[in-house]
């Protein structure tokens, strides 16, 4: 079927933009209250048209059912320092009134065979359009920096090998995933000391240093 993709994707673009503002707002509130910030940074994207078409073919999703059956056209990613932060962020999102969590996939407790770990939420988000409200499905992935490093590398290799990894590469990736998780586990054991050090560092910075730090984070999130 012929489709005006710009018109179709416009509500998804608006959803991603609004959610990024709201999620970064959570981070700002924690910082202003001098509490540990569970959100390190937030990124978002709308799936490219080519990827939507390819996925619809692989998953046998009719084009007229994209809005109901493809939940990751709008995608957000939240990075956290610690595994404990992930669970805190999940609870924060469950409690919000401006979105509804409809699916949860815990790939941290139940990692994928590849070694992939992350926490996925599918939400319903009411976006306000000129002609009324529209409910948009969006996927939010929440993971630690270590998990994200591994997933980014695995994604690149998957593109190269088209999912058919050589056995040796598959084993190495699984080992790397375990090493990344061990890093997260180790950091969790000294989490309180790390957070105390970060508070001291934050209080010791001058205003210009803080502005520079925030500017750097904002650059990363674009």
C-alpha atoms as a PDB file:
ATOM      1  CA  UNK A   1       0.000   0.000   0.000  1.00  0.00           C
ATOM      2  CA  UNK A   2       1.121   3.589  -0.713  1.00  0.00           C
ATOM      3  CA  UNK A   3       1.820   5.547   2.466  1.00  0.00           C
ATOM      4  CA  UNK A   4       2.725   9.121   3.285  1.00  0.00           C
ATOM      5  CA  UNK A   5       5.608   8.213   5.596  1.00  0.00           C
ATOM      6  CA  UNK A   6       6.246  11.777   6.786  1.00  0.00           C
ATOM      7  CA  UNK A   7       2.636  12.061   7.936  1.00  0.00           C
ATOM      8  CA  UNK A   8       2.655   8.554   9.436  1.00  0.00           C
ATOM      9  CA  UNK A   9       5.872   9.103  11.406  1.00  0.00           C
ATOM     10  CA  UNK A  10       5.096  12.649  12.619  1.00  0.00           C
ATOM     11  CA  UNK A  11       3.281  11.487  15.824  1.00  0.00           C
ATOM     12  CA  UNK A  12       6.193   9.126  16.569  1.00  0.00           C
ATOM     13  CA  UNK A  13       8.679  11.991  16.166  1.00  0.00           C
ATOM     14  CA  UNK A  14       6.603  14.077  18.563  1.00  0.00           C
ATOM     15  CA  UNK A  15       6.391  11.172  21.025  1.00  0.00           C
ATOM     16  CA  UNK A  16      10.161  10.697  21.081  1.00  0.00           C
ATOM     17  CA  UNK A  17      10.766  14.441  21.522  1.00  0.00           C
ATOM     18  CA  UNK A  18       8.281  14.731  24.393  1.00  0.00           C
ATOM     19  CA  UNK A  19       9.501  11.610  26.176  1.00  0.00           C
ATOM     20  CA  UNK A  20      13.131  12.725  25.975  1.00  0.00           C
ATOM     21  CA  UNK A  21      12.189  16.008  27.641  1.00  0.00           C
ATOM     22  CA  UNK A  22      10.214  14.230  30.367  1.00  0.00           C
ATOM     23  CA  UNK A  23      12.862  11.601  31.072  1.00  0.00           C
ATOM     24  CA  UNK A  24      15.597  14.223  31.239  1.00  0.00           C
ATOM     25  CA  UNK A  25      13.297  16.155  33.559  1.00  0.00           C
ATOM     26  CA  UNK A  26      13.384  13.226  35.979  1.00  0.00           C
ATOM     27  CA  UNK A  27      17.179  13.376  35.948  1.00  0.00           C
ATOM     28  CA  UNK A  28      17.123  17.117  36.623  1.00  0.00           C
ATOM     29  CA  UNK A  29      14.743  16.732  39.584  1.00  0.00           C
ATOM     30  CA  UNK A  30      17.009  14.199  41.279  1.00  0.00           C
ATOM     31  CA  UNK A  31      20.015  16.457  40.740  1.00  0.00           C
ATOM     32  CA  UNK A  32      18.214  19.513  42.150  1.00  0.00           C
ATOM     33  CA  UNK A  33      17.277  17.516  45.257  1.00  0.00           C
ATOM     34  CA  UNK A  34      20.924  16.456  45.713  1.00  0.00           C
ATOM     35  CA  UNK A  35      19.941  12.804  45.357  1.00  0.00           C
ATOM     36  CA  UNK A  36      21.696  10.074  43.396  1.00  0.00           C
ATOM     37  CA  UNK A  37      20.554  10.420  39.777  1.00  0.00           C
ATOM     38  CA  UNK A  38      19.422   7.002  38.482  1.00  0.00           C
ATOM     39  CA  UNK A  39      19.402   8.227  34.872  1.00  0.00           C
ATOM     40  CA  UNK A  40      22.824   8.856  33.361  1.00  0.00           C
ATOM     41  CA  UNK A  41      21.511  10.002  29.980  1.00  0.00           C
ATOM     42  CA  UNK A  42      18.660   9.491  27.525  1.00  0.00           C
ATOM     43  CA  UNK A  43      18.628   9.002  23.770  1.00  0.00           C
ATOM     44  CA  UNK A  44      15.775   8.428  21.336  1.00  0.00           C
ATOM     45  CA  UNK A  45      15.011   7.783  17.701  1.00  0.00           C
ATOM     46  CA  UNK A  46      12.241   6.957  15.255  1.00  0.00           C
ATOM     47  CA  UNK A  47      12.874   3.767  13.292  1.00  0.00           C
ATOM     48  CA  UNK A  48      13.881   4.502   9.663  1.00  0.00           C
ATOM     49  CA  UNK A  49      11.322   3.637   7.004  1.00  0.00           C
ATOM     50  CA  UNK A  50      13.573   0.945   5.496  1.00  0.00           C
ATOM     51  CA  UNK A  51      13.868  -0.762   8.894  1.00  0.00           C
ATOM     52  CA  UNK A  52      10.104  -0.607   9.425  1.00  0.00           C
ATOM     53  CA  UNK A  53       9.442  -2.244   6.064  1.00  0.00           C
ATOM     54  CA  UNK A  54      12.099  -4.931   6.618  1.00  0.00           C
ATOM     55  CA  UNK A  55      10.811  -5.775  10.083  1.00  0.00           C
ATOM     56  CA  UNK A  56       7.213  -5.893   8.878  1.00  0.00           C
ATOM     57  CA  UNK A  57       8.239  -8.453   6.261  1.00  0.00           C
ATOM     58  CA  UNK A  58      10.249 -10.575   8.705  1.00  0.00           C
ATOM     59  CA  UNK A  59       7.492 -10.511  11.358  1.00  0.00           C
ATOM     60  CA  UNK A  60       4.672 -10.782   8.789  1.00  0.00           C
ATOM     61  CA  UNK A  61       3.044  -7.583  10.035  1.00  0.00           C
ATOM     62  CA  UNK A  62       0.551  -6.135   7.534  1.00  0.00           C
ATOM     63  CA  UNK A  63       1.357  -2.519   6.697  1.00  0.00           C
ATOM     64  CA  UNK A  64      -2.107  -1.453   7.825  1.00  0.00           C
ATOM     65  CA  UNK A  65      -1.389  -2.996  11.278  1.00  0.00           C
ATOM     66  CA  UNK A  66       1.923  -1.241  11.963  1.00  0.00           C
ATOM     67  CA  UNK A  67       0.492   1.054  14.633  1.00  0.00           C
ATOM     68  CA  UNK A  68      -0.961  -1.864  16.595  1.00  0.00           C
ATOM     69  CA  UNK A  69       1.699  -4.552  16.101  1.00  0.00           C
ATOM     70  CA  UNK A  70       5.077  -2.773  15.840  1.00  0.00           C
ATOM     71  CA  UNK A  71       5.922  -1.393  19.260  1.00  0.00           C
ATOM     72  CA  UNK A  72       9.383   0.046  18.611  1.00  0.00           C
ATOM     73  CA  UNK A  73       8.821   2.565  15.832  1.00  0.00           C
ATOM     74  CA  UNK A  74       9.363   5.136  18.584  1.00  0.00           C
ATOM     75  CA  UNK A  75      12.326   4.070  20.689  1.00  0.00           C
ATOM     76  CA  UNK A  76      13.942   5.553  23.794  1.00  0.00           C
ATOM     77  CA  UNK A  77      17.041   4.342  25.595  1.00  0.00           C
ATOM     78  CA  UNK A  78      17.868   5.178  29.209  1.00  0.00           C
ATOM     79  CA  UNK A  79      21.420   4.598  30.421  1.00  0.00           C
ATOM     80  CA  UNK A  80      22.105   3.988  34.097  1.00  0.00           C
ATOM     81  CA  UNK A  81      25.251   3.614  36.175  1.00  0.00           C
ATOM     82  CA  UNK A  82      24.093   0.666  38.260  1.00  0.00           C
ATOM     83  CA  UNK A  83      21.750  -2.307  37.843  1.00  0.00           C
ATOM     84  CA  UNK A  84      19.869  -1.052  40.916  1.00  0.00           C
ATOM     85  CA  UNK A  85      19.174   2.193  39.049  1.00  0.00           C
ATOM     86  CA  UNK A  86      17.430   0.244  36.297  1.00  0.00           C
ATOM     87  CA  UNK A  87      14.861  -1.169  38.705  1.00  0.00           C
ATOM     88  CA  UNK A  88      14.346   2.280  40.250  1.00  0.00           C
ATOM     89  CA  UNK A  89      13.710   3.815  36.822  1.00  0.00           C
ATOM     90  CA  UNK A  90      11.298   1.007  35.891  1.00  0.00           C
ATOM     91  CA  UNK A  91       9.295   1.711  39.049  1.00  0.00           C
ATOM     92  CA  UNK A  92       9.283   5.443  38.327  1.00  0.00           C
ATOM     93  CA  UNK A  93       7.860   4.804  34.855  1.00  0.00           C
ATOM     94  CA  UNK A  94       5.258   2.357  36.166  1.00  0.00           C
ATOM     95  CA  UNK A  95       4.008   5.071  38.535  1.00  0.00           C
ATOM     96  CA  UNK A  96       3.655   7.832  35.950  1.00  0.00           C
ATOM     97  CA  UNK A  97       0.187   9.000  34.919  1.00  0.00           C
ATOM     98  CA  UNK A  98       1.202  10.339  31.498  1.00  0.00           C
ATOM     99  CA  UNK A  99       2.048   6.912  30.059  1.00  0.00           C
ATOM    100  CA  UNK A 100       0.917   3.321  30.574  1.00  0.00           C
ATOM    101  CA  UNK A 101       3.288   0.360  30.712  1.00  0.00           C
ATOM    102  CA  UNK A 102       1.660  -2.524  28.836  1.00  0.00           C
ATOM    103  CA  UNK A 103       4.573  -4.955  28.356  1.00  0.00           C
ATOM    104  CA  UNK A 104       7.723  -5.618  30.396  1.00  0.00           C
ATOM    105  CA  UNK A 105      10.613  -7.773  29.212  1.00  0.00           C
ATOM    106  CA  UNK A 106      13.315  -8.370  31.807  1.00  0.00           C
ATOM    107  CA  UNK A 107      16.406  -9.434  29.877  1.00  0.00           C
ATOM    108  CA  UNK A 108      18.581  -8.772  32.925  1.00  0.00           C
ATOM    109  CA  UNK A 109      17.177 -11.517  35.123  1.00  0.00           C
ATOM    110  CA  UNK A 110      16.504 -13.600  32.013  1.00  0.00           C
ATOM    111  CA  UNK A 111      19.327 -12.772  29.618  1.00  0.00           C
ATOM    112  CA  UNK A 112      19.079 -13.759  25.977  1.00  0.00           C
ATOM    113  CA  UNK A 113      21.111 -16.720  24.701  1.00  0.00           C
ATOM    114  CA  UNK A 114      23.499 -14.277  23.023  1.00  0.00           C
ATOM    115  CA  UNK A 115      24.328 -12.718  26.381  1.00  0.00           C
ATOM    116  CA  UNK A 116      22.201  -9.596  25.754  1.00  0.00           C
ATOM    117  CA  UNK A 117      20.945  -7.866  28.882  1.00  0.00           C
ATOM    118  CA  UNK A 118      18.554  -4.929  29.108  1.00  0.00           C
ATOM    119  CA  UNK A 119      15.124  -4.083  30.523  1.00  0.00           C
ATOM    120  CA  UNK A 120      12.463  -3.309  27.924  1.00  0.00           C
ATOM    121  CA  UNK A 121       9.172  -1.537  28.492  1.00  0.00           C
ATOM    122  CA  UNK A 122       6.478  -1.071  25.883  1.00  0.00           C
ATOM    123  CA  UNK A 123       4.277   1.885  26.761  1.00  0.00           C
ATOM    124  CA  UNK A 124       1.166   3.549  25.457  1.00  0.00           C
ATOM    125  CA  UNK A 125       1.750   7.284  25.218  1.00  0.00           C
ATOM    126  CA  UNK A 126      -1.071   9.763  24.476  1.00  0.00           C
ATOM    127  CA  UNK A 127       0.307  12.349  22.079  1.00  0.00           C
ATOM    128  CA  UNK A 128      -1.744  15.488  21.488  1.00  0.00           C
ATOM    129  CA  UNK A 129      -2.241  16.311  17.813  1.00  0.00           C
ATOM    130  CA  UNK A 130      -4.114  19.119  16.086  1.00  0.00           C
ATOM    131  CA  UNK A 131      -7.043  16.789  15.368  1.00  0.00           C
ATOM    132  CA  UNK A 132      -7.092  15.181  18.813  1.00  0.00           C
ATOM    133  CA  UNK A 133      -5.306  12.640  20.966  1.00  0.00           C
ATOM    134  CA  UNK A 134      -3.544   9.629  19.483  1.00  0.00           C
ATOM    135  CA  UNK A 135      -2.196   6.683  21.462  1.00  0.00           C
ATOM    136  CA  UNK A 136       1.315   5.784  20.315  1.00  0.00           C
ATOM    137  CA  UNK A 137       3.235   2.634  21.194  1.00  0.00           C
ATOM    138  CA  UNK A 138       6.840   3.271  22.204  1.00  0.00           C
ATOM    139  CA  UNK A 139       9.622   1.051  23.489  1.00  0.00           C
ATOM    140  CA  UNK A 140      11.926   2.154  26.297  1.00  0.00           C
ATOM    141  CA  UNK A 141      15.151   0.200  26.812  1.00  0.00           C
ATOM    142  CA  UNK A 142      16.877   0.647  30.165  1.00  0.00           C
ATOM    143  CA  UNK A 143      20.414  -0.633  30.646  1.00  0.00           C
ATOM    144  CA  UNK A 144      23.729   0.094  32.297  1.00  0.00           C
ATOM    145  CA  UNK A 145      26.619   1.683  30.442  1.00  0.00           C
ATOM    146  CA  UNK A 146      28.394  -1.693  30.393  1.00  0.00           C
ATOM    147  CA  UNK A 147      25.339  -3.443  28.952  1.00  0.00           C
ATOM    148  CA  UNK A 148      25.024  -0.718  26.333  1.00  0.00           C
ATOM    149  CA  UNK A 149      28.673  -1.014  25.318  1.00  0.00           C
ATOM    150  CA  UNK A 150      28.235  -4.743  24.703  1.00  0.00           C
ATOM    151  CA  UNK A 151      24.889  -4.328  22.905  1.00  0.00           C
ATOM    152  CA  UNK A 152      26.308  -1.642  20.608  1.00  0.00           C
ATOM    153  CA  UNK A 153      29.232  -3.854  19.591  1.00  0.00           C
ATOM    154  CA  UNK A 154      26.982  -6.896  19.141  1.00  0.00           C
ATOM    155  CA  UNK A 155      24.595  -4.869  16.989  1.00  0.00           C
ATOM    156  CA  UNK A 156      27.435  -3.788  14.693  1.00  0.00           C
ATOM    157  CA  UNK A 157      28.708  -7.355  14.338  1.00  0.00           C
ATOM    158  CA  UNK A 158      25.184  -8.630  13.773  1.00  0.00           C
ATOM    159  CA  UNK A 159      24.849  -6.220  10.864  1.00  0.00           C
ATOM    160  CA  UNK A 160      28.084  -7.609   9.399  1.00  0.00           C
ATOM    161  CA  UNK A 161      27.200 -11.290   9.847  1.00  0.00           C
ATOM    162  CA  UNK A 162      23.414 -10.912   9.344  1.00  0.00           C
ATOM    163  CA  UNK A 163      22.775 -12.873  12.530  1.00  0.00           C
ATOM    164  CA  UNK A 164      24.846 -15.886  11.456  1.00  0.00           C
ATOM    165  CA  UNK A 165      27.802 -15.464  13.805  1.00  0.00           C
ATOM    166  CA  UNK A 166      30.772 -17.813  13.463  1.00  0.00           C
ATOM    167  CA  UNK A 167      30.844 -20.130  16.488  1.00  0.00           C
ATOM    168  CA  UNK A 168      34.069 -18.659  17.837  1.00  0.00           C
ATOM    169  CA  UNK A 169      32.653 -15.132  17.594  1.00  0.00           C
ATOM    170  CA  UNK A 170      29.457 -16.232  19.322  1.00  0.00           C
ATOM    171  CA  UNK A 171      31.452 -17.698  22.237  1.00  0.00           C
ATOM    172  CA  UNK A 172      33.595 -14.582  22.540  1.00  0.00           C
ATOM    173  CA  UNK A 173      30.531 -12.354  22.598  1.00  0.00           C
ATOM    174  CA  UNK A 174      28.964 -14.474  25.336  1.00  0.00           C
ATOM    175  CA  UNK A 175      32.174 -14.214  27.369  1.00  0.00           C
ATOM    176  CA  UNK A 176      32.266 -10.462  26.839  1.00  0.00           C
ATOM    177  CA  UNK A 177      28.635 -10.181  27.958  1.00  0.00           C
ATOM    178  CA  UNK A 178      29.466 -12.041  31.168  1.00  0.00           C
ATOM    179  CA  UNK A 179      32.506  -9.823  31.724  1.00  0.00           C
ATOM    180  CA  UNK A 180      30.327  -6.721  31.309  1.00  0.00           C
ATOM    181  CA  UNK A 181      27.808  -8.097  33.793  1.00  0.00           C
ATOM    182  CA  UNK A 182      30.565  -8.966  36.256  1.00  0.00           C
ATOM    183  CA  UNK A 183      31.678  -5.337  36.013  1.00  0.00           C
ATOM    184  CA  UNK A 184      28.155  -4.216  36.877  1.00  0.00           C
ATOM    185  CA  UNK A 185      28.025  -6.661  39.778  1.00  0.00           C
ATOM    186  CA  UNK A 186      31.366  -5.451  41.122  1.00  0.00           C
ATOM    187  CA  UNK A 187      30.356  -1.809  40.851  1.00  0.00           C
ATOM    188  CA  UNK A 188      27.156  -2.588  42.758  1.00  0.00           C
ATOM    189  CA  UNK A 189      29.198  -3.852  45.703  1.00  0.00           C
ATOM    190  CA  UNK A 190      30.873  -0.430  46.059  1.00  0.00           C
ATOM    191  CA  UNK A 191      27.891   1.597  44.883  1.00  0.00           C
ATOM    192  CA  UNK A 192      27.507   3.622  48.089  1.00  0.00           C
ATOM    193  CA  UNK A 193      31.159   4.660  48.072  1.00  0.00           C
ATOM    194  CA  UNK A 194      30.937   5.626  44.396  1.00  0.00           C
ATOM    195  CA  UNK A 195      27.817   7.697  44.993  1.00  0.00           C
ATOM    196  CA  UNK A 196      29.403   9.454  47.983  1.00  0.00           C
ATOM    197  CA  UNK A 197      32.472  10.271  45.897  1.00  0.00           C
ATOM    198  CA  UNK A 198      30.268  11.625  43.109  1.00  0.00           C
ATOM    199  CA  UNK A 199      28.381  13.855  45.569  1.00  0.00           C
ATOM    200  CA  UNK A 200      31.664  15.238  46.905  1.00  0.00           C
ATOM    201  CA  UNK A 201      32.916  15.811  43.373  1.00  0.00           C
ATOM    202  CA  UNK A 202      29.678  17.537  42.400  1.00  0.00           C
ATOM    203  CA  UNK A 203      29.760  19.867  45.411  1.00  0.00           C
ATOM    204  CA  UNK A 204      33.429  20.639  44.815  1.00  0.00           C
ATOM    205  CA  UNK A 205      32.921  21.738  41.206  1.00  0.00           C
ATOM    206  CA  UNK A 206      32.571  25.381  40.330  1.00  0.00           C
ATOM    207  CA  UNK A 207      29.518  26.589  38.450  1.00  0.00           C
ATOM    208  CA  UNK A 208      31.452  26.849  35.194  1.00  0.00           C
ATOM    209  CA  UNK A 209      32.602  23.247  35.543  1.00  0.00           C
ATOM    210  CA  UNK A 210      29.018  22.111  36.105  1.00  0.00           C
ATOM    211  CA  UNK A 211      27.830  24.007  33.052  1.00  0.00           C
ATOM    212  CA  UNK A 212      30.569  22.439  30.972  1.00  0.00           C
ATOM    213  CA  UNK A 213      29.651  18.951  32.259  1.00  0.00           C
ATOM    214  CA  UNK A 214      25.965  19.474  31.480  1.00  0.00           C
ATOM    215  CA  UNK A 215      26.805  20.797  28.034  1.00  0.00           C
ATOM    216  CA  UNK A 216      28.853  17.663  27.335  1.00  0.00           C
ATOM    217  CA  UNK A 217      25.983  15.400  28.387  1.00  0.00           C
ATOM    218  CA  UNK A 218      23.525  17.335  26.220  1.00  0.00           C
ATOM    219  CA  UNK A 219      25.848  16.977  23.228  1.00  0.00           C
ATOM    220  CA  UNK A 220      25.938  13.188  23.731  1.00  0.00           C
ATOM    221  CA  UNK A 221      22.146  12.963  23.866  1.00  0.00           C
ATOM    222  CA  UNK A 222      21.393  14.662  20.546  1.00  0.00           C
END
